[in-house]
Amino acid sequence: MKRIKILAILILAALALFAGMQFPVHPPPVHPTPPEAGEAAARQQLLGLKLPDPRGQEVKLEQWQGKTLVVNFWATWCPPCQKEMPVFSRLQQAWRERGVQFIGIAVDSAGNVERFADKTPVAYPLLVGGTEVMRLSKDLGNPSLGLPFTLIIKADGQIHARKLGGIEENEMDTLLQGATASPVPKQNH
């Protein structure tokens, strides 16, 4: 009987450990990310995309070349995605004059995105992507293909940070400060 209790405790401990690894209590932190092999091609592919808006008008991401981009992969059925959109709208308004452009790429149908945008207006462009865009997000640092997934791309085209899962306003504000900071010129003495 004692062996059965010990075995049951070991099994429960193993299950708890497995569950903890699969479902972390705290979301992973956001860190500036170093370049990875193959990322440059994926980044160029992303910045070269031509995607339709919800009404079918084609939009080229290259039109925002030279700006700091916040590219958010999302879906209308994703509650964390919906939660961060008002935050992104406020930040778009606050950071627009400093050369920041938010872009939402929906992994959804154009009709769903159009209905969502009619009910929940946002202050930045919403574009419609398909499964190929999700595959691209994997190459950009989203191996689990989860949503929301957000990239901050500096004006020079380098990825400054990436985040899987929802992001809070103060966290995004801090990341944008780092992404848009200009180096301090050296003083000659």
N, C-alpha and C. Protein backbone atom coordinates (compact mmCIF):
# COMPACT_ATOMS: atom_id res chain seq x y z
N MET A 1 0.82 -1.19 0.00
CA MET A 1 0.00 0.00 0.00
C MET A 1 0.87 1.27 0.00
N LYS A 2 1.97 1.19 0.78
CA LYS A 2 2.87 2.33 0.85
C LYS A 2 3.53 2.59 -0.51
N ARG A 3 3.85 1.52 -1.23
CA ARG A 3 4.46 1.66 -2.57
C ARG A 3 3.49 2.32 -3.53
N ILE A 4 2.22 2.00 -3.43
CA ILE A 4 1.22 2.60 -4.31
C ILE A 4 1.12 4.09 -4.05
N LYS A 5 1.15 4.52 -2.79
CA LYS A 5 1.10 5.94 -2.45
C LYS A 5 2.32 6.67 -2.99
N ILE A 6 3.49 6.07 -2.82
CA ILE A 6 4.72 6.69 -3.31
C ILE A 6 4.69 6.79 -4.82
N LEU A 7 4.24 5.73 -5.48
CA LEU A 7 4.12 5.73 -6.94
C LEU A 7 3.13 6.80 -7.39
N ALA A 8 2.00 6.91 -6.70
CA ALA A 8 0.99 7.93 -7.04
C ALA A 8 1.57 9.33 -6.88
N ILE A 9 2.33 9.55 -5.81
CA ILE A 9 2.94 10.87 -5.58
C ILE A 9 3.95 11.18 -6.67
N LEU A 10 4.76 10.20 -7.06
CA LEU A 10 5.73 10.41 -8.14
C LEU A 10 5.05 10.72 -9.46
N ILE A 11 3.98 10.03 -9.75
CA ILE A 11 3.24 10.27 -11.00
C ILE A 11 2.65 11.68 -10.98
N LEU A 12 2.04 12.07 -9.85
CA LEU A 12 1.47 13.41 -9.75
C LEU A 12 2.55 14.49 -9.88
N ALA A 13 3.69 14.25 -9.26
CA ALA A 13 4.79 15.20 -9.37
C ALA A 13 5.27 15.33 -10.81
N ALA A 14 5.39 14.21 -11.49
CA ALA A 14 5.81 14.24 -12.90
C ALA A 14 4.79 14.98 -13.76
N LEU A 15 3.50 14.73 -13.52
CA LEU A 15 2.46 15.43 -14.27
C LEU A 15 2.49 16.93 -13.99
N ALA A 16 2.69 17.30 -12.73
CA ALA A 16 2.76 18.72 -12.38
C ALA A 16 3.96 19.38 -13.06
N LEU A 17 5.09 18.70 -13.07
CA LEU A 17 6.28 19.23 -13.73
C LEU A 17 6.03 19.40 -15.22
N PHE A 18 5.42 18.39 -15.84
CA PHE A 18 5.12 18.46 -17.28
C PHE A 18 4.16 19.61 -17.56
N ALA A 19 3.11 19.74 -16.74
CA ALA A 19 2.13 20.81 -16.94
C ALA A 19 2.80 22.17 -16.78
N GLY A 20 3.69 22.30 -15.81
CA GLY A 20 4.40 23.56 -15.61
C GLY A 20 5.27 23.93 -16.79
N MET A 21 5.85 22.93 -17.44
CA MET A 21 6.68 23.21 -18.62
C MET A 21 5.81 23.58 -19.81
N GLN A 22 4.63 23.00 -19.91
CA GLN A 22 3.74 23.26 -21.04
C GLN A 22 2.95 24.55 -20.88
N PHE A 23 2.60 24.90 -19.65
CA PHE A 23 1.76 26.05 -19.39
C PHE A 23 2.41 26.92 -18.32
N PRO A 24 3.41 27.71 -18.68
CA PRO A 24 4.11 28.51 -17.67
C PRO A 24 3.16 29.51 -17.01
N VAL A 25 3.39 29.77 -15.75
CA VAL A 25 2.58 30.70 -15.00
C VAL A 25 2.83 32.13 -15.49
N HIS A 26 4.07 32.45 -15.75
CA HIS A 26 4.43 33.79 -16.20
C HIS A 26 4.79 33.74 -17.68
N PRO A 27 4.32 34.72 -18.47
CA PRO A 27 4.70 34.74 -19.88
C PRO A 27 6.20 34.96 -20.01
N PRO A 28 6.76 34.49 -21.12
CA PRO A 28 8.20 34.70 -21.31
C PRO A 28 8.50 36.19 -21.41
N PRO A 29 9.64 36.63 -20.88
CA PRO A 29 9.98 38.05 -20.94
C PRO A 29 10.32 38.48 -22.36
N VAL A 30 10.19 39.75 -22.60
CA VAL A 30 10.56 40.31 -23.90
C VAL A 30 12.00 40.80 -23.76
N HIS A 31 12.83 40.42 -24.70
CA HIS A 31 14.21 40.86 -24.71
C HIS A 31 14.56 41.32 -26.10
N PRO A 32 15.42 42.31 -26.20
CA PRO A 32 15.98 42.58 -27.52
C PRO A 32 16.62 41.29 -28.01
N THR A 33 16.47 41.01 -29.29
CA THR A 33 16.89 39.73 -29.80
C THR A 33 18.05 39.84 -30.76
N PRO A 34 19.05 38.97 -30.59
CA PRO A 34 20.17 38.97 -31.53
C PRO A 34 19.75 38.35 -32.86
N PRO A 35 20.41 38.72 -33.95
CA PRO A 35 20.06 38.14 -35.24
C PRO A 35 20.36 36.64 -35.26
N GLU A 36 19.52 35.90 -35.93
CA GLU A 36 19.67 34.45 -36.04
C GLU A 36 19.95 34.11 -37.51
N ALA A 37 20.51 32.93 -37.71
CA ALA A 37 20.76 32.47 -39.08
C ALA A 37 19.44 32.35 -39.82
N GLY A 38 19.39 32.83 -41.01
CA GLY A 38 18.18 32.73 -41.83
C GLY A 38 17.17 33.82 -41.55
N GLU A 39 17.37 34.56 -40.48
CA GLU A 39 16.41 35.59 -40.13
C GLU A 39 16.43 36.75 -41.12
N ALA A 40 17.59 37.06 -41.65
CA ALA A 40 17.70 38.19 -42.58
C ALA A 40 16.80 38.00 -43.79
N ALA A 41 16.78 36.80 -44.33
CA ALA A 41 15.93 36.53 -45.50
C ALA A 41 14.45 36.65 -45.13
N ALA A 42 14.08 36.14 -43.97
CA ALA A 42 12.69 36.22 -43.52
C ALA A 42 12.29 37.68 -43.28
N ARG A 43 13.20 38.44 -42.71
CA ARG A 43 12.94 39.86 -42.45
C ARG A 43 12.73 40.60 -43.77
N GLN A 44 13.59 40.32 -44.74
CA GLN A 44 13.44 40.95 -46.06
C GLN A 44 12.12 40.55 -46.71
N GLN A 45 11.76 39.29 -46.56
CA GLN A 45 10.49 38.81 -47.12
C GLN A 45 9.32 39.54 -46.46
N LEU A 46 9.37 39.69 -45.13
CA LEU A 46 8.31 40.40 -44.42
C LEU A 46 8.19 41.83 -44.91
N LEU A 47 9.32 42.52 -44.98
CA LEU A 47 9.30 43.93 -45.37
C LEU A 47 8.93 44.12 -46.84
N GLY A 48 9.02 43.05 -47.63
CA GLY A 48 8.63 43.12 -49.04
C GLY A 48 7.21 42.65 -49.31
N LEU A 49 6.47 42.31 -48.26
CA LEU A 49 5.11 41.80 -48.45
C LEU A 49 4.17 42.83 -49.06
N LYS A 50 3.24 42.32 -49.84
CA LYS A 50 2.11 43.09 -50.36
C LYS A 50 0.88 42.32 -49.89
N LEU A 51 0.12 42.90 -48.98
CA LEU A 51 -1.03 42.23 -48.41
C LEU A 51 -2.28 43.08 -48.58
N PRO A 52 -3.44 42.45 -48.72
CA PRO A 52 -4.67 43.23 -48.83
C PRO A 52 -5.13 43.74 -47.46
N ASP A 53 -5.78 44.89 -47.49
CA ASP A 53 -6.48 45.33 -46.29
C ASP A 53 -7.83 44.60 -46.28
N PRO A 54 -8.67 44.78 -45.28
CA PRO A 54 -9.92 44.02 -45.23
C PRO A 54 -10.87 44.27 -46.41
N ARG A 55 -10.70 45.39 -47.09
CA ARG A 55 -11.56 45.70 -48.24
C ARG A 55 -10.93 45.31 -49.58
N GLY A 56 -9.76 44.67 -49.50
CA GLY A 56 -9.13 44.13 -50.69
C GLY A 56 -8.09 45.03 -51.34
N GLN A 57 -7.83 46.21 -50.80
CA GLN A 57 -6.82 47.11 -51.37
C GLN A 57 -5.44 46.59 -50.98
N GLU A 58 -4.56 46.41 -51.96
CA GLU A 58 -3.22 45.90 -51.69
C GLU A 58 -2.35 46.99 -51.04
N VAL A 59 -1.64 46.58 -49.98
CA VAL A 59 -0.78 47.49 -49.24
C VAL A 59 0.63 46.90 -49.23
N LYS A 60 1.61 47.73 -49.57
CA LYS A 60 3.01 47.30 -49.56
C LYS A 60 3.65 47.75 -48.26
N LEU A 61 4.25 46.82 -47.54
CA LEU A 61 4.91 47.17 -46.29
C LEU A 61 6.13 48.06 -46.54
N GLU A 62 6.70 48.00 -47.74
CA GLU A 62 7.88 48.81 -48.04
C GLU A 62 7.59 50.31 -47.97
N GLN A 63 6.31 50.69 -48.01
CA GLN A 63 5.98 52.12 -47.93
C GLN A 63 6.39 52.72 -46.58
N TRP A 64 6.62 51.87 -45.57
CA TRP A 64 7.03 52.36 -44.25
C TRP A 64 8.53 52.17 -44.03
N GLN A 65 9.28 51.96 -45.11
CA GLN A 65 10.73 51.81 -45.00
C GLN A 65 11.30 53.06 -44.33
N GLY A 66 12.25 52.85 -43.42
CA GLY A 66 12.87 53.95 -42.71
C GLY A 66 12.15 54.33 -41.42
N LYS A 67 11.05 53.65 -41.12
CA LYS A 67 10.34 53.88 -39.86
C LYS A 67 10.60 52.69 -38.93
N THR A 68 10.38 52.91 -37.65
CA THR A 68 10.37 51.79 -36.71
C THR A 68 9.01 51.14 -36.83
N LEU A 69 9.00 49.84 -37.13
CA LEU A 69 7.74 49.12 -37.33
C LEU A 69 7.42 48.22 -36.15
N VAL A 70 6.16 48.22 -35.77
CA VAL A 70 5.64 47.25 -34.81
C VAL A 70 4.68 46.40 -35.62
N VAL A 71 5.11 45.17 -35.91
CA VAL A 71 4.31 44.26 -36.73
C VAL A 71 3.69 43.23 -35.79
N ASN A 72 2.36 43.24 -35.75
CA ASN A 72 1.61 42.39 -34.84
C ASN A 72 0.80 41.37 -35.64
N PHE A 73 1.13 40.08 -35.44
CA PHE A 73 0.36 38.99 -36.05
C PHE A 73 -0.78 38.67 -35.07
N TRP A 74 -2.01 38.66 -35.55
CA TRP A 74 -3.16 38.51 -34.68
C TRP A 74 -4.30 37.81 -35.41
N ALA A 75 -5.40 37.57 -34.70
CA ALA A 75 -6.62 37.01 -35.31
C ALA A 75 -7.83 37.54 -34.55
N THR A 76 -8.96 37.61 -35.22
CA THR A 76 -10.18 38.14 -34.60
C THR A 76 -10.69 37.24 -33.49
N TRP A 77 -10.36 35.97 -33.53
CA TRP A 77 -10.83 35.00 -32.52
C TRP A 77 -9.88 34.88 -31.34
N CYS A 78 -8.86 35.71 -31.27
CA CYS A 78 -7.80 35.62 -30.25
C CYS A 78 -8.02 36.69 -29.17
N PRO A 79 -8.51 36.32 -27.96
CA PRO A 79 -8.76 37.32 -26.92
C PRO A 79 -7.53 38.15 -26.53
N PRO A 80 -6.32 37.57 -26.36
CA PRO A 80 -5.17 38.44 -26.04
C PRO A 80 -4.86 39.43 -27.16
N CYS A 81 -5.13 39.02 -28.39
CA CYS A 81 -4.92 39.93 -29.53
C CYS A 81 -5.86 41.13 -29.41
N GLN A 82 -7.12 40.86 -29.15
CA GLN A 82 -8.11 41.92 -29.03
C GLN A 82 -7.79 42.85 -27.87
N LYS A 83 -7.29 42.29 -26.78
CA LYS A 83 -6.99 43.08 -25.58
C LYS A 83 -5.88 44.10 -25.84
N GLU A 84 -4.88 43.74 -26.64
CA GLU A 84 -3.76 44.66 -26.83
C GLU A 84 -4.01 45.69 -27.94
N MET A 85 -5.04 45.53 -28.74
CA MET A 85 -5.27 46.45 -29.86
C MET A 85 -5.55 47.89 -29.42
N PRO A 86 -6.35 48.13 -28.38
CA PRO A 86 -6.51 49.52 -27.92
C PRO A 86 -5.19 50.12 -27.41
N VAL A 87 -4.37 49.30 -26.78
CA VAL A 87 -3.04 49.73 -26.33
C VAL A 87 -2.21 50.14 -27.54
N PHE A 88 -2.20 49.31 -28.56
CA PHE A 88 -1.42 49.62 -29.76
C PHE A 88 -1.94 50.88 -30.44
N SER A 89 -3.26 51.08 -30.41
CA SER A 89 -3.82 52.30 -31.01
C SER A 89 -3.35 53.54 -30.26
N ARG A 90 -3.37 53.50 -28.92
CA ARG A 90 -2.88 54.64 -28.14
C ARG A 90 -1.40 54.90 -28.42
N LEU A 91 -0.62 53.82 -28.47
CA LEU A 91 0.81 53.99 -28.71
C LEU A 91 1.09 54.46 -30.14
N GLN A 92 0.27 54.04 -31.09
CA GLN A 92 0.45 54.54 -32.47
C GLN A 92 0.29 56.05 -32.48
N GLN A 93 -0.74 56.54 -31.80
CA GLN A 93 -0.97 57.99 -31.75
C GLN A 93 0.20 58.70 -31.05
N ALA A 94 0.68 58.12 -29.95
CA ALA A 94 1.74 58.76 -29.17
C ALA A 94 3.10 58.74 -29.88
N TRP A 95 3.37 57.70 -30.66
CA TRP A 95 4.69 57.52 -31.27
C TRP A 95 4.75 57.88 -32.76
N ARG A 96 3.63 58.20 -33.36
CA ARG A 96 3.60 58.49 -34.81
C ARG A 96 4.62 59.56 -35.20
N GLU A 97 4.68 60.65 -34.46
CA GLU A 97 5.59 61.75 -34.80
C GLU A 97 7.05 61.39 -34.61
N ARG A 98 7.33 60.28 -33.92
CA ARG A 98 8.71 59.83 -33.73
C ARG A 98 9.08 58.72 -34.71
N GLY A 99 8.29 58.58 -35.76
CA GLY A 99 8.64 57.64 -36.82
C GLY A 99 8.30 56.19 -36.55
N VAL A 100 7.27 55.94 -35.73
CA VAL A 100 6.85 54.57 -35.43
C VAL A 100 5.55 54.28 -36.16
N GLN A 101 5.48 53.09 -36.77
CA GLN A 101 4.28 52.67 -37.47
C GLN A 101 3.88 51.27 -37.00
N PHE A 102 2.68 51.15 -36.45
CA PHE A 102 2.12 49.85 -36.08
C PHE A 102 1.40 49.28 -37.29
N ILE A 103 1.48 47.96 -37.45
CA ILE A 103 0.80 47.25 -38.54
C ILE A 103 0.24 45.96 -37.95
N GLY A 104 -1.03 45.70 -38.15
CA GLY A 104 -1.63 44.45 -37.71
C GLY A 104 -1.81 43.52 -38.90
N ILE A 105 -1.21 42.35 -38.83
CA ILE A 105 -1.38 41.35 -39.90
C ILE A 105 -2.25 40.24 -39.34
N ALA A 106 -3.47 40.18 -39.83
CA ALA A 106 -4.44 39.20 -39.33
C ALA A 106 -4.27 37.86 -40.03
N VAL A 107 -4.24 36.82 -39.24
CA VAL A 107 -4.24 35.46 -39.77
C VAL A 107 -5.70 35.03 -39.69
N ASP A 108 -6.47 35.54 -40.64
CA ASP A 108 -7.92 35.42 -40.57
C ASP A 108 -8.47 35.74 -41.96
N SER A 109 -9.79 35.71 -42.09
CA SER A 109 -10.41 36.05 -43.37
C SER A 109 -10.64 37.55 -43.45
N ALA A 110 -10.69 38.06 -44.66
CA ALA A 110 -10.92 39.49 -44.87
C ALA A 110 -12.26 39.91 -44.27
N GLY A 111 -13.28 39.08 -44.43
CA GLY A 111 -14.61 39.39 -43.89
C GLY A 111 -14.59 39.51 -42.37
N ASN A 112 -13.91 38.58 -41.70
CA ASN A 112 -13.82 38.65 -40.25
C ASN A 112 -13.08 39.91 -39.80
N VAL A 113 -12.01 40.25 -40.50
CA VAL A 113 -11.22 41.43 -40.14
C VAL A 113 -12.04 42.69 -40.39
N GLU A 114 -12.77 42.74 -41.48
CA GLU A 114 -13.59 43.91 -41.79
C GLU A 114 -14.68 44.10 -40.73
N ARG A 115 -15.36 43.02 -40.35
CA ARG A 115 -16.39 43.11 -39.31
C ARG A 115 -15.78 43.54 -37.98
N PHE A 116 -14.62 43.00 -37.65
CA PHE A 116 -13.94 43.37 -36.41
C PHE A 116 -13.58 44.86 -36.43
N ALA A 117 -13.00 45.33 -37.53
CA ALA A 117 -12.57 46.73 -37.63
C ALA A 117 -13.77 47.69 -37.59
N ASP A 118 -14.92 47.24 -38.10
CA ASP A 118 -16.12 48.09 -38.03
C ASP A 118 -16.57 48.27 -36.59
N LYS A 119 -16.43 47.23 -35.77
CA LYS A 119 -16.85 47.29 -34.36
C LYS A 119 -15.76 47.88 -33.46
N THR A 120 -14.50 47.64 -33.81
CA THR A 120 -13.38 48.04 -32.97
C THR A 120 -12.36 48.78 -33.83
N PRO A 121 -12.58 50.06 -34.08
CA PRO A 121 -11.63 50.79 -34.91
C PRO A 121 -10.25 50.86 -34.24
N VAL A 122 -9.22 50.78 -35.04
CA VAL A 122 -7.85 50.91 -34.55
C VAL A 122 -7.16 52.04 -35.32
N ALA A 123 -6.10 52.57 -34.73
CA ALA A 123 -5.41 53.74 -35.29
C ALA A 123 -4.24 53.35 -36.18
N TYR A 124 -4.24 52.13 -36.68
CA TYR A 124 -3.15 51.67 -37.54
C TYR A 124 -3.72 50.69 -38.56
N PRO A 125 -2.99 50.44 -39.65
CA PRO A 125 -3.51 49.57 -40.71
C PRO A 125 -3.64 48.11 -40.26
N LEU A 126 -4.74 47.51 -40.67
CA LEU A 126 -4.96 46.08 -40.49
C LEU A 126 -4.89 45.44 -41.87
N LEU A 127 -4.03 44.43 -41.99
CA LEU A 127 -3.86 43.73 -43.25
C LEU A 127 -4.24 42.27 -43.05
N VAL A 128 -4.50 41.58 -44.14
CA VAL A 128 -4.95 40.19 -44.07
C VAL A 128 -3.88 39.28 -44.67
N GLY A 129 -3.42 38.35 -43.87
CA GLY A 129 -2.42 37.38 -44.31
C GLY A 129 -3.01 35.98 -44.24
N GLY A 130 -2.35 35.04 -44.83
CA GLY A 130 -2.80 33.66 -44.81
C GLY A 130 -1.79 32.78 -44.10
N THR A 131 -1.86 31.50 -44.41
CA THR A 131 -0.98 30.54 -43.75
C THR A 131 0.49 30.81 -44.09
N GLU A 132 0.76 31.37 -45.26
CA GLU A 132 2.15 31.66 -45.62
C GLU A 132 2.74 32.74 -44.70
N VAL A 133 1.90 33.64 -44.21
CA VAL A 133 2.36 34.67 -43.28
C VAL A 133 2.67 34.03 -41.93
N MET A 134 1.90 33.05 -41.51
CA MET A 134 2.20 32.35 -40.25
C MET A 134 3.52 31.59 -40.38
N ARG A 135 3.75 30.98 -41.53
CA ARG A 135 5.04 30.30 -41.73
C ARG A 135 6.19 31.30 -41.65
N LEU A 136 5.97 32.48 -42.18
CA LEU A 136 6.98 33.53 -42.12
C LEU A 136 7.22 33.95 -40.66
N SER A 137 6.15 34.01 -39.87
CA SER A 137 6.33 34.38 -38.46
C SER A 137 7.18 33.35 -37.73
N LYS A 138 7.08 32.09 -38.15
CA LYS A 138 7.93 31.05 -37.55
C LYS A 138 9.40 31.35 -37.82
N ASP A 139 9.71 31.74 -39.06
CA ASP A 139 11.09 32.07 -39.42
C ASP A 139 11.59 33.33 -38.72
N LEU A 140 10.66 34.14 -38.22
CA LEU A 140 11.01 35.38 -37.54
C LEU A 140 11.04 35.23 -36.01
N GLY A 141 10.92 33.99 -35.53
CA GLY A 141 11.04 33.77 -34.09
C GLY A 141 9.80 33.30 -33.38
N ASN A 142 8.84 32.77 -34.10
CA ASN A 142 7.60 32.28 -33.51
C ASN A 142 7.46 30.78 -33.79
N PRO A 143 8.33 29.94 -33.19
CA PRO A 143 8.34 28.52 -33.54
C PRO A 143 7.05 27.78 -33.20
N SER A 144 6.30 28.27 -32.22
CA SER A 144 5.04 27.59 -31.85
C SER A 144 3.87 28.07 -32.68
N LEU A 145 4.08 29.08 -33.53
CA LEU A 145 3.04 29.67 -34.36
C LEU A 145 1.87 30.19 -33.53
N GLY A 146 2.18 30.71 -32.35
CA GLY A 146 1.15 31.26 -31.46
C GLY A 146 0.79 32.68 -31.81
N LEU A 147 -0.33 33.12 -31.28
CA LEU A 147 -0.81 34.49 -31.45
C LEU A 147 -1.20 35.05 -30.09
N PRO A 148 -1.07 36.35 -29.90
CA PRO A 148 -0.43 37.31 -30.78
C PRO A 148 1.09 37.15 -30.77
N PHE A 149 1.69 37.56 -31.85
CA PHE A 149 3.14 37.57 -31.99
C PHE A 149 3.51 38.94 -32.54
N THR A 150 4.41 39.63 -31.85
CA THR A 150 4.74 41.01 -32.21
C THR A 150 6.24 41.17 -32.40
N LEU A 151 6.60 41.86 -33.47
CA LEU A 151 7.99 42.21 -33.77
C LEU A 151 8.14 43.72 -33.72
N ILE A 152 9.27 44.17 -33.20
CA ILE A 152 9.64 45.58 -33.33
C ILE A 152 10.87 45.61 -34.21
N ILE A 153 10.73 46.27 -35.35
CA ILE A 153 11.80 46.35 -36.33
C ILE A 153 12.27 47.80 -36.40
N LYS A 154 13.54 48.00 -36.11
CA LYS A 154 14.10 49.35 -36.10
C LYS A 154 14.12 49.92 -37.52
N ALA A 155 14.30 51.22 -37.60
CA ALA A 155 14.31 51.92 -38.89
C ALA A 155 15.37 51.38 -39.84
N ASP A 156 16.44 50.80 -39.30
CA ASP A 156 17.49 50.23 -40.16
C ASP A 156 17.15 48.81 -40.63
N GLY A 157 15.97 48.31 -40.27
CA GLY A 157 15.53 46.99 -40.72
C GLY A 157 15.89 45.84 -39.80
N GLN A 158 16.59 46.12 -38.71
CA GLN A 158 16.99 45.06 -37.78
C GLN A 158 15.87 44.83 -36.75
N ILE A 159 15.67 43.57 -36.39
CA ILE A 159 14.67 43.25 -35.37
C ILE A 159 15.23 43.63 -34.01
N HIS A 160 14.51 44.48 -33.32
CA HIS A 160 14.90 44.95 -31.98
C HIS A 160 14.38 44.01 -30.90
N ALA A 161 13.11 43.56 -31.06
CA ALA A 161 12.50 42.69 -30.05
C ALA A 161 11.37 41.90 -30.69
N ARG A 162 11.04 40.81 -30.03
CA ARG A 162 9.90 40.00 -30.45
C ARG A 162 9.20 39.50 -29.20
N LYS A 163 7.89 39.32 -29.30
CA LYS A 163 7.12 38.89 -28.14
C LYS A 163 6.00 37.97 -28.60
N LEU A 164 5.96 36.80 -28.00
CA LEU A 164 4.85 35.87 -28.21
C LEU A 164 3.92 36.04 -27.03
N GLY A 165 2.66 36.33 -27.30
CA GLY A 165 1.69 36.58 -26.24
C GLY A 165 1.41 38.07 -26.14
N GLY A 166 0.42 38.40 -25.33
CA GLY A 166 0.03 39.80 -25.16
C GLY A 166 1.14 40.63 -24.55
N ILE A 167 1.08 41.92 -24.82
CA ILE A 167 2.11 42.83 -24.31
C ILE A 167 1.42 44.02 -23.67
N GLU A 168 1.94 44.43 -22.54
CA GLU A 168 1.38 45.56 -21.80
C GLU A 168 1.90 46.88 -22.35
N GLU A 169 1.16 47.94 -22.10
CA GLU A 169 1.50 49.26 -22.64
C GLU A 169 2.87 49.74 -22.18
N ASN A 170 3.16 49.64 -20.88
CA ASN A 170 4.46 50.14 -20.39
C ASN A 170 5.62 49.33 -20.95
N GLU A 171 5.41 48.04 -21.16
CA GLU A 171 6.44 47.18 -21.74
C GLU A 171 6.73 47.60 -23.19
N MET A 172 5.67 47.83 -23.96
CA MET A 172 5.84 48.24 -25.35
C MET A 172 6.46 49.63 -25.42
N ASP A 173 6.04 50.53 -24.54
CA ASP A 173 6.59 51.87 -24.53
C ASP A 173 8.10 51.84 -24.28
N THR A 174 8.53 51.01 -23.34
CA THR A 174 9.96 50.86 -23.04
C THR A 174 10.72 50.30 -24.24
N LEU A 175 10.14 49.29 -24.90
CA LEU A 175 10.79 48.71 -26.07
C LEU A 175 10.90 49.72 -27.20
N LEU A 176 9.87 50.54 -27.38
CA LEU A 176 9.92 51.55 -28.43
C LEU A 176 10.98 52.60 -28.13
N GLN A 177 11.16 52.94 -26.87
CA GLN A 177 12.22 53.89 -26.50
C GLN A 177 13.58 53.33 -26.92
N GLY A 178 13.80 52.03 -26.68
CA GLY A 178 15.06 51.41 -27.05
C GLY A 178 15.23 51.28 -28.56
N ALA A 179 14.13 51.06 -29.25
CA ALA A 179 14.19 50.86 -30.71
C ALA A 179 14.39 52.16 -31.47
N THR A 180 13.97 53.27 -30.88
CA THR A 180 14.05 54.54 -31.60
C THR A 180 15.17 55.43 -31.09
N ALA A 181 15.86 54.97 -30.06
CA ALA A 181 16.94 55.79 -29.48
C ALA A 181 18.06 55.97 -30.50
N SER A 182 18.47 57.18 -30.63
CA SER A 182 19.61 57.48 -31.50
C SER A 182 20.88 57.41 -30.68
N PRO A 183 21.96 56.93 -31.27
CA PRO A 183 23.21 56.93 -30.51
C PRO A 183 23.64 58.35 -30.19
N VAL A 184 24.22 58.53 -29.02
CA VAL A 184 24.70 59.84 -28.60
C VAL A 184 26.01 60.12 -29.34
N PRO A 185 26.09 61.25 -30.03
CA PRO A 185 27.34 61.56 -30.74
C PRO A 185 28.48 61.76 -29.75
N LYS A 186 29.66 61.32 -30.18
CA LYS A 186 30.86 61.48 -29.34
C LYS A 186 31.29 62.94 -29.39
N GLN A 187 31.72 63.40 -28.23
CA GLN A 187 32.22 64.78 -28.12
C GLN A 187 33.73 64.77 -28.33
N ASN A 188 34.23 65.69 -29.11
CA ASN A 188 35.68 65.86 -29.29
C ASN A 188 36.18 66.84 -28.24
N HIS A 189 37.18 66.44 -27.51
CA HIS A 189 37.74 67.30 -26.48
C HIS A 189 39.09 67.78 -26.91
